[in-house]
Amino acid sequence: MSTNKELDPYTAKAENTNLSPQEKIQGLHSIVKNVKTGMLTTRSASGHLHARAMAPAGPVEPNQVTLYFIANRATAKFDEIENDSHVNVSFYDESSTNWASYAGIAKITQDREKIAKHWSSATAAWFGDLGDGIHKGDQNDPRVALIEVIPEEIRYWIATRGKVGQAVDIAVSAVSGKTAAPGELRTITKDEIQLVQGLTSK
């Protein structure tokens, strides 16, 4: 993503392009781990954007950039993903002001081996046992599906100062006419994503 440094001095100042893909992923994981719940945004057939809070399923590998969500196949988000697989998942940590945004492609699977890998006993609470002997709310329930979000680009901002330091930086910049940047903007590009996915699959 190109930036006009003269017209957007904040991005030019905050952007850090000197990190390795692994270092960027470490910073990304720290945000997602602290926030725990993200907003998965899909597009309906009418063009409306719908977002809902969802917690990514574990476990998380050291170089993992793909997000996994266990969800009910009977819900509308699956129709929306089938209509348009482009999705966004965002995370915001109010305590630190860190945020992350995944832009990618969602894939749906009901592969039982994959579901078993990401299933936890607490997940059953979102399905319930319907008492028909089929929809039991366990990992073999036919409603259970896995949404795999494969990112094409990930952008995130991570604070380099505490809240007091951020406030001081912003106040001083407002008075002096300089640009505040109490944190770093980092981008994990499509090429970097493909590189780490190749390392993870080996």
N, C-alpha and C. Protein backbone atom coordinates (compact mmCIF):
# COMPACT_ATOMS: atom_id res chain seq x y z
N MET A 1 0.85 -1.19 0.00
CA MET A 1 0.00 0.00 0.00
C MET A 1 0.88 1.24 0.00
N SER A 2 0.74 2.10 -1.01
CA SER A 2 1.58 3.29 -1.14
C SER A 2 1.05 4.41 -0.26
N THR A 3 1.96 5.26 0.19
CA THR A 3 1.60 6.37 1.06
C THR A 3 2.19 7.65 0.50
N ASN A 4 1.37 8.72 0.43
CA ASN A 4 1.86 10.03 0.06
C ASN A 4 2.43 10.66 1.32
N LYS A 5 3.75 10.65 1.44
CA LYS A 5 4.40 11.06 2.68
C LYS A 5 4.16 12.53 3.01
N GLU A 6 3.98 13.36 1.98
CA GLU A 6 3.76 14.77 2.24
C GLU A 6 2.35 15.03 2.76
N LEU A 7 1.36 14.33 2.21
CA LEU A 7 -0.03 14.55 2.60
C LEU A 7 -0.45 13.69 3.79
N ASP A 8 0.28 12.62 4.05
CA ASP A 8 -0.05 11.74 5.18
C ASP A 8 1.21 11.52 6.03
N PRO A 9 1.65 12.56 6.72
CA PRO A 9 2.89 12.44 7.50
C PRO A 9 2.79 11.46 8.66
N TYR A 10 1.56 11.26 9.19
CA TYR A 10 1.41 10.32 10.31
C TYR A 10 1.81 8.91 9.88
N THR A 11 1.23 8.43 8.77
CA THR A 11 1.56 7.08 8.31
C THR A 11 3.04 6.96 7.97
N ALA A 12 3.56 8.00 7.30
CA ALA A 12 4.98 7.97 6.92
C ALA A 12 5.88 7.87 8.15
N LYS A 13 5.48 8.53 9.24
CA LYS A 13 6.30 8.53 10.46
C LYS A 13 6.11 7.24 11.25
N ALA A 14 4.89 6.72 11.28
CA ALA A 14 4.58 5.57 12.13
C ALA A 14 4.94 4.23 11.50
N GLU A 15 4.99 4.19 10.17
CA GLU A 15 5.17 2.90 9.51
C GLU A 15 6.57 2.35 9.73
N ASN A 16 6.62 1.09 10.16
CA ASN A 16 7.90 0.41 10.40
C ASN A 16 8.03 -0.71 9.38
N THR A 17 8.97 -0.57 8.46
CA THR A 17 9.18 -1.57 7.41
C THR A 17 10.48 -2.33 7.61
N ASN A 18 11.06 -2.22 8.80
CA ASN A 18 12.39 -2.81 9.04
C ASN A 18 12.34 -4.10 9.85
N LEU A 19 11.16 -4.71 9.95
CA LEU A 19 11.03 -5.93 10.73
C LEU A 19 10.92 -7.14 9.81
N SER A 20 11.38 -8.29 10.30
CA SER A 20 11.22 -9.53 9.55
C SER A 20 9.76 -9.99 9.66
N PRO A 21 9.32 -10.86 8.74
CA PRO A 21 7.95 -11.39 8.86
C PRO A 21 7.68 -12.03 10.22
N GLN A 22 8.65 -12.76 10.74
CA GLN A 22 8.46 -13.42 12.04
C GLN A 22 8.30 -12.40 13.16
N GLU A 23 9.06 -11.30 13.11
CA GLU A 23 8.92 -10.25 14.13
C GLU A 23 7.55 -9.59 14.04
N LYS A 24 7.08 -9.38 12.82
CA LYS A 24 5.75 -8.79 12.65
C LYS A 24 4.67 -9.72 13.20
N ILE A 25 4.83 -11.01 12.96
CA ILE A 25 3.83 -11.98 13.43
C ILE A 25 3.81 -12.04 14.96
N GLN A 26 4.98 -11.93 15.58
CA GLN A 26 5.04 -11.92 17.04
C GLN A 26 4.23 -10.75 17.61
N GLY A 27 4.39 -9.58 17.01
CA GLY A 27 3.62 -8.41 17.45
C GLY A 27 2.14 -8.60 17.22
N LEU A 28 1.79 -9.18 16.08
CA LEU A 28 0.38 -9.45 15.76
C LEU A 28 -0.23 -10.40 16.77
N HIS A 29 0.48 -11.48 17.07
CA HIS A 29 -0.03 -12.47 18.02
C HIS A 29 -0.26 -11.86 19.40
N SER A 30 0.60 -10.93 19.80
CA SER A 30 0.44 -10.31 21.12
C SER A 30 -0.87 -9.54 21.21
N ILE A 31 -1.28 -8.92 20.10
CA ILE A 31 -2.54 -8.17 20.08
C ILE A 31 -3.73 -9.12 20.13
N VAL A 32 -3.73 -10.12 19.25
CA VAL A 32 -4.86 -11.05 19.17
C VAL A 32 -5.01 -11.83 20.48
N LYS A 33 -3.89 -12.21 21.07
CA LYS A 33 -3.93 -12.97 22.33
C LYS A 33 -4.56 -12.16 23.45
N ASN A 34 -4.24 -10.87 23.50
CA ASN A 34 -4.78 -10.01 24.56
C ASN A 34 -6.25 -9.69 24.34
N VAL A 35 -6.63 -9.48 23.08
CA VAL A 35 -8.01 -9.08 22.78
C VAL A 35 -8.96 -10.27 22.87
N LYS A 36 -8.53 -11.39 22.32
CA LYS A 36 -9.27 -12.67 22.34
C LYS A 36 -10.47 -12.71 21.39
N THR A 37 -11.21 -11.63 21.25
CA THR A 37 -12.40 -11.62 20.39
C THR A 37 -12.24 -10.59 19.28
N GLY A 38 -12.53 -11.01 18.04
CA GLY A 38 -12.44 -10.11 16.91
C GLY A 38 -13.81 -9.88 16.29
N MET A 39 -13.87 -8.96 15.33
CA MET A 39 -15.09 -8.69 14.59
C MET A 39 -14.91 -9.23 13.17
N LEU A 40 -15.68 -10.28 12.85
CA LEU A 40 -15.65 -10.87 11.51
C LEU A 40 -16.70 -10.16 10.65
N THR A 41 -16.25 -9.53 9.57
CA THR A 41 -17.14 -8.77 8.69
C THR A 41 -17.29 -9.48 7.35
N THR A 42 -18.55 -9.68 6.95
CA THR A 42 -18.88 -10.32 5.68
C THR A 42 -19.81 -9.40 4.90
N ARG A 43 -19.99 -9.71 3.61
CA ARG A 43 -20.86 -8.89 2.76
C ARG A 43 -22.06 -9.72 2.30
N SER A 44 -23.24 -9.17 2.47
CA SER A 44 -24.46 -9.86 2.06
C SER A 44 -24.67 -9.71 0.56
N ALA A 45 -25.62 -10.47 0.03
CA ALA A 45 -25.93 -10.40 -1.41
C ALA A 45 -26.41 -9.01 -1.80
N SER A 46 -26.99 -8.27 -0.85
CA SER A 46 -27.48 -6.91 -1.12
C SER A 46 -26.37 -5.87 -1.02
N GLY A 47 -25.18 -6.30 -0.62
CA GLY A 47 -24.05 -5.40 -0.52
C GLY A 47 -23.80 -4.85 0.87
N HIS A 48 -24.69 -5.15 1.82
CA HIS A 48 -24.51 -4.66 3.18
C HIS A 48 -23.37 -5.41 3.88
N LEU A 49 -22.61 -4.67 4.68
CA LEU A 49 -21.54 -5.27 5.47
C LEU A 49 -22.08 -5.62 6.85
N HIS A 50 -21.89 -6.87 7.25
CA HIS A 50 -22.37 -7.34 8.56
C HIS A 50 -21.17 -7.82 9.37
N ALA A 51 -21.07 -7.34 10.60
CA ALA A 51 -19.97 -7.74 11.48
C ALA A 51 -20.54 -8.37 12.74
N ARG A 52 -19.81 -9.35 13.25
CA ARG A 52 -20.20 -9.99 14.51
C ARG A 52 -18.93 -10.39 15.27
N ALA A 53 -19.07 -10.38 16.61
CA ALA A 53 -17.94 -10.73 17.46
C ALA A 53 -17.72 -12.24 17.46
N MET A 54 -16.49 -12.66 17.23
CA MET A 54 -16.15 -14.08 17.23
C MET A 54 -14.75 -14.27 17.79
N ALA A 55 -14.57 -15.33 18.54
CA ALA A 55 -13.26 -15.63 19.12
C ALA A 55 -12.54 -16.66 18.26
N PRO A 56 -11.32 -16.37 17.80
CA PRO A 56 -10.57 -17.35 17.03
C PRO A 56 -10.31 -18.61 17.85
N ALA A 57 -10.34 -19.74 17.19
CA ALA A 57 -10.09 -21.02 17.86
C ALA A 57 -8.59 -21.30 17.90
N GLY A 58 -8.14 -21.91 18.99
CA GLY A 58 -6.75 -22.35 19.10
C GLY A 58 -6.61 -23.74 18.51
N PRO A 59 -5.43 -24.34 18.57
CA PRO A 59 -4.19 -23.73 19.05
C PRO A 59 -3.59 -22.81 18.00
N VAL A 60 -2.61 -21.98 18.40
CA VAL A 60 -1.97 -21.05 17.49
C VAL A 60 -0.50 -21.42 17.36
N GLU A 61 -0.07 -21.67 16.13
CA GLU A 61 1.33 -22.00 15.86
C GLU A 61 2.17 -20.72 15.83
N PRO A 62 3.49 -20.81 16.08
CA PRO A 62 4.34 -19.62 16.16
C PRO A 62 4.29 -18.71 14.94
N ASN A 63 4.22 -19.29 13.72
CA ASN A 63 4.20 -18.48 12.50
C ASN A 63 2.81 -18.40 11.87
N GLN A 64 1.80 -18.75 12.62
CA GLN A 64 0.44 -18.81 12.05
C GLN A 64 -0.12 -17.41 11.79
N VAL A 65 -0.68 -17.23 10.60
CA VAL A 65 -1.38 -15.99 10.27
C VAL A 65 -2.84 -16.27 9.93
N THR A 66 -3.17 -17.50 9.64
CA THR A 66 -4.55 -17.88 9.34
C THR A 66 -5.37 -17.90 10.63
N LEU A 67 -6.63 -17.42 10.52
CA LEU A 67 -7.54 -17.45 11.66
C LEU A 67 -8.57 -18.56 11.46
N TYR A 68 -8.96 -19.21 12.54
CA TYR A 68 -9.96 -20.28 12.48
C TYR A 68 -11.11 -19.95 13.43
N PHE A 69 -12.32 -20.09 12.93
CA PHE A 69 -13.50 -19.86 13.75
C PHE A 69 -14.43 -21.06 13.63
N ILE A 70 -14.89 -21.58 14.75
CA ILE A 70 -15.90 -22.63 14.74
C ILE A 70 -17.25 -21.94 14.84
N ALA A 71 -18.18 -22.29 13.94
CA ALA A 71 -19.47 -21.60 13.90
C ALA A 71 -20.59 -22.54 13.45
N ASN A 72 -21.81 -22.05 13.61
CA ASN A 72 -23.01 -22.81 13.26
C ASN A 72 -23.32 -22.64 11.77
N ARG A 73 -23.30 -23.74 11.05
CA ARG A 73 -23.50 -23.73 9.60
C ARG A 73 -24.88 -23.19 9.21
N ALA A 74 -25.81 -23.15 10.16
CA ALA A 74 -27.17 -22.69 9.87
C ALA A 74 -27.31 -21.18 9.93
N THR A 75 -26.26 -20.46 10.29
CA THR A 75 -26.35 -19.01 10.43
C THR A 75 -26.09 -18.29 9.11
N ALA A 76 -26.57 -17.04 9.06
CA ALA A 76 -26.54 -16.26 7.82
C ALA A 76 -25.14 -15.96 7.31
N LYS A 77 -24.15 -15.91 8.21
CA LYS A 77 -22.80 -15.56 7.77
C LYS A 77 -22.25 -16.54 6.74
N PHE A 78 -22.72 -17.79 6.79
CA PHE A 78 -22.24 -18.77 5.82
C PHE A 78 -22.79 -18.47 4.42
N ASP A 79 -24.04 -18.04 4.36
CA ASP A 79 -24.61 -17.62 3.07
C ASP A 79 -23.83 -16.43 2.52
N GLU A 80 -23.45 -15.52 3.40
CA GLU A 80 -22.72 -14.34 2.96
C GLU A 80 -21.32 -14.69 2.48
N ILE A 81 -20.66 -15.62 3.16
CA ILE A 81 -19.33 -16.05 2.72
C ILE A 81 -19.40 -16.77 1.38
N GLU A 82 -20.44 -17.56 1.18
CA GLU A 82 -20.60 -18.25 -0.09
C GLU A 82 -20.91 -17.26 -1.21
N ASN A 83 -21.56 -16.15 -0.88
CA ASN A 83 -21.85 -15.12 -1.87
C ASN A 83 -20.60 -14.31 -2.21
N ASP A 84 -19.79 -14.01 -1.17
CA ASP A 84 -18.56 -13.24 -1.36
C ASP A 84 -17.58 -13.67 -0.28
N SER A 85 -16.53 -14.34 -0.68
CA SER A 85 -15.60 -14.91 0.30
C SER A 85 -14.61 -13.90 0.87
N HIS A 86 -14.63 -12.67 0.35
CA HIS A 86 -13.74 -11.64 0.90
C HIS A 86 -14.27 -11.19 2.26
N VAL A 87 -13.43 -11.25 3.26
CA VAL A 87 -13.84 -10.87 4.62
C VAL A 87 -12.78 -10.02 5.28
N ASN A 88 -13.17 -9.42 6.40
CA ASN A 88 -12.23 -8.69 7.24
C ASN A 88 -12.43 -9.15 8.67
N VAL A 89 -11.34 -9.29 9.39
CA VAL A 89 -11.41 -9.57 10.82
C VAL A 89 -10.56 -8.51 11.52
N SER A 90 -11.16 -7.81 12.48
CA SER A 90 -10.44 -6.75 13.18
C SER A 90 -10.44 -6.99 14.68
N PHE A 91 -9.39 -6.49 15.32
CA PHE A 91 -9.22 -6.61 16.76
C PHE A 91 -8.82 -5.25 17.31
N TYR A 92 -9.34 -4.90 18.48
CA TYR A 92 -8.97 -3.63 19.12
C TYR A 92 -8.79 -3.84 20.61
N ASP A 93 -7.64 -3.44 21.11
CA ASP A 93 -7.32 -3.56 22.53
C ASP A 93 -7.46 -2.18 23.16
N GLU A 94 -8.55 -1.98 23.88
CA GLU A 94 -8.84 -0.67 24.46
C GLU A 94 -7.79 -0.26 25.49
N SER A 95 -7.23 -1.23 26.20
CA SER A 95 -6.27 -0.91 27.25
C SER A 95 -4.97 -0.33 26.72
N SER A 96 -4.59 -0.72 25.50
CA SER A 96 -3.32 -0.25 24.93
C SER A 96 -3.50 0.59 23.67
N THR A 97 -4.69 0.56 23.08
CA THR A 97 -5.06 1.16 21.78
C THR A 97 -4.44 0.40 20.60
N ASN A 98 -3.86 -0.77 20.85
CA ASN A 98 -3.37 -1.60 19.75
C ASN A 98 -4.55 -2.11 18.93
N TRP A 99 -4.34 -2.24 17.62
CA TRP A 99 -5.38 -2.83 16.77
C TRP A 99 -4.76 -3.63 15.65
N ALA A 100 -5.57 -4.52 15.08
CA ALA A 100 -5.12 -5.34 13.95
C ALA A 100 -6.28 -5.55 12.99
N SER A 101 -5.96 -5.61 11.70
CA SER A 101 -6.98 -5.80 10.67
C SER A 101 -6.49 -6.82 9.65
N TYR A 102 -7.25 -7.90 9.53
CA TYR A 102 -6.96 -8.95 8.55
C TYR A 102 -7.89 -8.78 7.36
N ALA A 103 -7.35 -8.68 6.16
CA ALA A 103 -8.15 -8.69 4.94
C ALA A 103 -7.83 -9.99 4.22
N GLY A 104 -8.85 -10.81 3.98
CA GLY A 104 -8.54 -12.11 3.39
C GLY A 104 -9.73 -12.82 2.79
N ILE A 105 -9.53 -14.09 2.54
CA ILE A 105 -10.53 -14.95 1.94
C ILE A 105 -10.96 -16.00 2.95
N ALA A 106 -12.28 -16.17 3.08
CA ALA A 106 -12.82 -17.15 4.02
C ALA A 106 -13.16 -18.44 3.28
N LYS A 107 -12.75 -19.55 3.87
CA LYS A 107 -13.10 -20.86 3.33
C LYS A 107 -13.88 -21.63 4.39
N ILE A 108 -14.87 -22.38 3.94
CA ILE A 108 -15.72 -23.14 4.85
C ILE A 108 -15.39 -24.62 4.72
N THR A 109 -15.24 -25.29 5.84
CA THR A 109 -15.01 -26.73 5.81
C THR A 109 -15.74 -27.39 6.95
N GLN A 110 -16.14 -28.62 6.73
CA GLN A 110 -16.71 -29.44 7.79
C GLN A 110 -15.87 -30.71 7.97
N ASP A 111 -14.60 -30.56 7.63
CA ASP A 111 -13.64 -31.64 7.82
C ASP A 111 -13.55 -31.95 9.32
N ARG A 112 -13.91 -33.16 9.70
CA ARG A 112 -13.99 -33.52 11.12
C ARG A 112 -12.64 -33.50 11.82
N GLU A 113 -11.59 -33.82 11.08
CA GLU A 113 -10.25 -33.81 11.67
C GLU A 113 -9.84 -32.38 12.03
N LYS A 114 -10.13 -31.44 11.12
CA LYS A 114 -9.79 -30.04 11.38
C LYS A 114 -10.64 -29.48 12.53
N ILE A 115 -11.93 -29.84 12.53
CA ILE A 115 -12.81 -29.38 13.59
C ILE A 115 -12.33 -29.90 14.95
N ALA A 116 -11.94 -31.16 14.99
CA ALA A 116 -11.46 -31.76 16.24
C ALA A 116 -10.22 -31.04 16.75
N LYS A 117 -9.35 -30.60 15.84
CA LYS A 117 -8.13 -29.91 16.23
C LYS A 117 -8.43 -28.59 16.93
N HIS A 118 -9.49 -27.91 16.48
CA HIS A 118 -9.78 -26.57 16.99
C HIS A 118 -10.95 -26.54 17.96
N TRP A 119 -11.55 -27.69 18.24
CA TRP A 119 -12.71 -27.76 19.11
C TRP A 119 -12.30 -27.64 20.58
N SER A 120 -13.14 -27.00 21.37
CA SER A 120 -12.96 -26.99 22.82
C SER A 120 -14.32 -27.27 23.45
N SER A 121 -14.31 -27.77 24.66
CA SER A 121 -15.56 -28.13 25.32
C SER A 121 -16.48 -26.92 25.49
N ALA A 122 -15.91 -25.73 25.66
CA ALA A 122 -16.72 -24.52 25.84
C ALA A 122 -17.50 -24.16 24.58
N THR A 123 -17.02 -24.61 23.42
CA THR A 123 -17.68 -24.29 22.16
C THR A 123 -19.09 -24.85 22.10
N ALA A 124 -19.31 -25.96 22.77
CA ALA A 124 -20.62 -26.62 22.75
C ALA A 124 -21.74 -25.70 23.24
N ALA A 125 -21.39 -24.74 24.09
CA ALA A 125 -22.39 -23.83 24.65
C ALA A 125 -23.10 -23.01 23.59
N TRP A 126 -22.45 -22.82 22.44
CA TRP A 126 -23.03 -22.00 21.38
C TRP A 126 -23.96 -22.79 20.46
N PHE A 127 -24.01 -24.09 20.64
CA PHE A 127 -24.84 -24.94 19.78
C PHE A 127 -26.05 -25.53 20.50
N GLY A 128 -25.83 -26.06 21.69
CA GLY A 128 -26.92 -26.67 22.44
C GLY A 128 -27.33 -28.02 21.89
N ASP A 129 -27.83 -28.87 22.75
CA ASP A 129 -28.34 -30.19 22.36
C ASP A 129 -29.82 -30.05 22.04
N LEU A 130 -30.20 -30.28 20.78
CA LEU A 130 -31.59 -30.11 20.36
C LEU A 130 -32.47 -31.31 20.73
N GLY A 131 -31.84 -32.36 21.27
CA GLY A 131 -32.58 -33.50 21.76
C GLY A 131 -33.12 -34.43 20.69
N ASP A 132 -32.61 -34.31 19.47
CA ASP A 132 -33.08 -35.19 18.40
C ASP A 132 -32.11 -36.33 18.11
N GLY A 133 -31.05 -36.42 18.93
CA GLY A 133 -30.07 -37.49 18.73
C GLY A 133 -29.07 -37.20 17.64
N ILE A 134 -29.25 -36.11 16.91
CA ILE A 134 -28.35 -35.76 15.80
C ILE A 134 -27.62 -34.45 16.13
N HIS A 135 -28.40 -33.44 16.48
CA HIS A 135 -27.83 -32.14 16.78
C HIS A 135 -27.53 -32.06 18.28
N LYS A 136 -26.43 -32.67 18.67
CA LYS A 136 -26.10 -32.81 20.09
C LYS A 136 -25.24 -31.66 20.63
N GLY A 137 -24.79 -30.80 19.75
CA GLY A 137 -23.94 -29.70 20.20
C GLY A 137 -22.51 -30.10 20.44
N ASP A 138 -22.12 -31.29 19.97
CA ASP A 138 -20.72 -31.72 20.10
C ASP A 138 -20.00 -31.51 18.77
N GLN A 139 -18.74 -31.91 18.70
CA GLN A 139 -17.96 -31.64 17.49
C GLN A 139 -18.42 -32.44 16.29
N ASN A 140 -19.26 -33.45 16.49
CA ASN A 140 -19.79 -34.24 15.38
C ASN A 140 -21.16 -33.76 14.92
N ASP A 141 -21.67 -32.73 15.55
CA ASP A 141 -22.95 -32.13 15.18
C ASP A 141 -22.86 -31.63 13.73
N PRO A 142 -23.82 -31.96 12.87
CA PRO A 142 -23.74 -31.52 11.47
C PRO A 142 -23.82 -30.01 11.28
N ARG A 143 -24.21 -29.29 12.31
CA ARG A 143 -24.22 -27.82 12.23
C ARG A 143 -22.83 -27.22 12.36
N VAL A 144 -21.92 -27.98 12.96
CA VAL A 144 -20.58 -27.44 13.27
C VAL A 144 -19.73 -27.35 12.00
N ALA A 145 -19.20 -26.16 11.77
CA ALA A 145 -18.32 -25.95 10.63
C ALA A 145 -17.16 -25.06 11.05
N LEU A 146 -16.11 -25.08 10.25
CA LEU A 146 -14.92 -24.28 10.51
C LEU A 146 -14.79 -23.22 9.42
N ILE A 147 -14.66 -21.98 9.84
CA ILE A 147 -14.36 -20.89 8.90
C ILE A 147 -12.87 -20.61 9.00
N GLU A 148 -12.21 -20.76 7.88
CA GLU A 148 -10.77 -20.53 7.82
C GLU A 148 -10.53 -19.23 7.06
N VAL A 149 -9.99 -18.24 7.75
CA VAL A 149 -9.71 -16.95 7.12
C VAL A 149 -8.23 -16.90 6.73
N ILE A 150 -8.00 -16.94 5.43
CA ILE A 150 -6.63 -16.91 4.90
C ILE A 150 -6.33 -15.47 4.50
N PRO A 151 -5.48 -14.79 5.25
CA PRO A 151 -5.25 -13.37 4.97
C PRO A 151 -4.46 -13.12 3.70
N GLU A 152 -4.80 -12.03 3.04
CA GLU A 152 -4.03 -11.56 1.89
C GLU A 152 -3.18 -10.35 2.28
N GLU A 153 -3.61 -9.66 3.34
CA GLU A 153 -2.82 -8.57 3.90
C GLU A 153 -3.26 -8.36 5.34
N ILE A 154 -2.31 -8.10 6.21
CA ILE A 154 -2.61 -7.81 7.61
C ILE A 154 -1.93 -6.50 7.96
N ARG A 155 -2.71 -5.59 8.51
CA ARG A 155 -2.16 -4.32 8.98
C ARG A 155 -2.47 -4.19 10.47
N TYR A 156 -1.49 -3.73 11.23
CA TYR A 156 -1.76 -3.51 12.63
C TYR A 156 -0.95 -2.34 13.18
N TRP A 157 -1.43 -1.82 14.30
CA TRP A 157 -0.78 -0.71 14.98
C TRP A 157 -0.49 -1.16 16.39
N ILE A 158 0.74 -0.94 16.82
CA ILE A 158 1.13 -1.35 18.16
C ILE A 158 1.78 -0.16 18.88
N ALA A 159 1.30 0.11 20.07
CA ALA A 159 1.79 1.27 20.81
C ALA A 159 3.25 1.07 21.23
N THR A 160 4.02 2.14 21.14
CA THR A 160 5.40 2.13 21.63
C THR A 160 5.53 2.96 22.90
N ARG A 161 4.40 3.54 23.33
CA ARG A 161 4.35 4.30 24.57
C ARG A 161 3.08 3.94 25.33
N GLY A 162 3.10 4.14 26.63
CA GLY A 162 1.90 3.93 27.43
C GLY A 162 0.89 5.04 27.16
N LYS A 163 -0.26 4.95 27.81
CA LYS A 163 -1.32 5.92 27.57
C LYS A 163 -0.90 7.34 27.91
N VAL A 164 -0.14 7.50 29.00
CA VAL A 164 0.33 8.84 29.37
C VAL A 164 1.29 9.37 28.32
N GLY A 165 2.21 8.52 27.89
CA GLY A 165 3.16 8.93 26.86
C GLY A 165 2.47 9.27 25.55
N GLN A 166 1.42 8.51 25.20
CA GLN A 166 0.65 8.79 23.99
C GLN A 166 -0.02 10.16 24.10
N ALA A 167 -0.62 10.43 25.26
CA ALA A 167 -1.32 11.70 25.46
C ALA A 167 -0.36 12.88 25.35
N VAL A 168 0.85 12.72 25.93
CA VAL A 168 1.85 13.78 25.88
C VAL A 168 2.30 14.02 24.44
N ASP A 169 2.54 12.92 23.70
CA ASP A 169 2.98 13.03 22.31
C ASP A 169 1.93 13.77 21.48
N ILE A 170 0.67 13.40 21.67
CA ILE A 170 -0.41 14.03 20.91
C ILE A 170 -0.54 15.50 21.27
N ALA A 171 -0.48 15.82 22.57
CA ALA A 171 -0.61 17.20 23.02
C ALA A 171 0.53 18.08 22.49
N VAL A 172 1.76 17.58 22.59
CA VAL A 172 2.92 18.34 22.11
C VAL A 172 2.84 18.55 20.60
N SER A 173 2.43 17.51 19.89
CA SER A 173 2.33 17.61 18.43
C SER A 173 1.25 18.59 18.02
N ALA A 174 0.14 18.61 18.78
CA ALA A 174 -0.95 19.53 18.46
C ALA A 174 -0.51 20.98 18.61
N VAL A 175 0.33 21.25 19.63
CA VAL A 175 0.79 22.62 19.88
C VAL A 175 1.91 23.02 18.92
N SER A 176 2.81 22.07 18.64
CA SER A 176 4.00 22.38 17.83
C SER A 176 3.77 22.30 16.33
N GLY A 177 2.67 21.64 15.93
CA GLY A 177 2.43 21.46 14.50
C GLY A 177 3.12 20.25 13.93
N LYS A 178 3.80 19.51 14.79
CA LYS A 178 4.44 18.28 14.34
C LYS A 178 3.42 17.14 14.32
N THR A 179 3.82 15.99 13.80
CA THR A 179 2.92 14.85 13.69
C THR A 179 3.17 13.85 14.81
N ALA A 180 2.11 13.48 15.51
CA ALA A 180 2.22 12.49 16.59
C ALA A 180 2.30 11.09 16.00
N ALA A 181 3.12 10.26 16.62
CA ALA A 181 3.21 8.84 16.23
C ALA A 181 3.67 8.04 17.44
N PRO A 182 2.77 7.86 18.42
CA PRO A 182 3.14 7.13 19.64
C PRO A 182 3.09 5.62 19.48
N GLY A 183 3.21 5.15 18.26
CA GLY A 183 3.18 3.72 17.99
C GLY A 183 3.67 3.43 16.59
N GLU A 184 3.64 2.16 16.22
CA GLU A 184 4.11 1.74 14.90
C GLU A 184 2.99 1.11 14.08
N LEU A 185 2.95 1.47 12.82
CA LEU A 185 2.08 0.80 11.85
C LEU A 185 2.90 -0.28 11.15
N ARG A 186 2.38 -1.49 11.13
CA ARG A 186 3.10 -2.58 10.49
C ARG A 186 2.18 -3.30 9.51
N THR A 187 2.73 -3.71 8.40
CA THR A 187 1.97 -4.43 7.38
C THR A 187 2.65 -5.76 7.10
N ILE A 188 1.87 -6.83 7.13
CA ILE A 188 2.34 -8.14 6.69
C ILE A 188 1.77 -8.32 5.30
N THR A 189 2.63 -8.29 4.30
CA THR A 189 2.19 -8.29 2.92
C THR A 189 1.79 -9.69 2.44
N LYS A 190 1.17 -9.73 1.28
CA LYS A 190 0.76 -11.01 0.70
C LYS A 190 1.97 -11.91 0.47
N ASP A 191 3.07 -11.33 -0.01
CA ASP A 191 4.29 -12.13 -0.24
C ASP A 191 4.83 -12.69 1.07
N GLU A 192 4.80 -11.89 2.13
CA GLU A 192 5.29 -12.36 3.43
C GLU A 192 4.38 -13.44 4.00
N ILE A 193 3.08 -13.27 3.79
CA ILE A 193 2.12 -14.27 4.25
C ILE A 193 2.36 -15.61 3.55
N GLN A 194 2.57 -15.56 2.24
CA GLN A 194 2.83 -16.78 1.48
C GLN A 194 4.13 -17.43 1.93
N LEU A 195 5.12 -16.59 2.27
CA LEU A 195 6.40 -17.12 2.74
C LEU A 195 6.24 -17.88 4.05
N VAL A 196 5.57 -17.26 5.02
CA VAL A 196 5.44 -17.94 6.33
C VAL A 196 4.49 -19.12 6.26
N GLN A 197 3.51 -19.07 5.36
CA GLN A 197 2.62 -20.23 5.19
C GLN A 197 3.40 -21.41 4.63
N GLY A 198 4.36 -21.11 3.76
CA GLY A 198 5.21 -22.16 3.22
C GLY A 198 6.09 -22.75 4.30
N LEU A 199 6.59 -21.93 5.21
CA LEU A 199 7.42 -22.42 6.30
C LEU A 199 6.60 -23.24 7.29
N THR A 200 5.35 -22.82 7.52
CA THR A 200 4.48 -23.51 8.47
C THR A 200 4.07 -24.88 7.96
N SER A 201 3.88 -25.00 6.63
CA SER A 201 3.40 -26.25 6.06
C SER A 201 4.49 -27.31 5.93
N LYS A 202 5.76 -26.90 6.12
CA LYS A 202 6.87 -27.86 5.97
C LYS A 202 7.01 -28.71 7.22
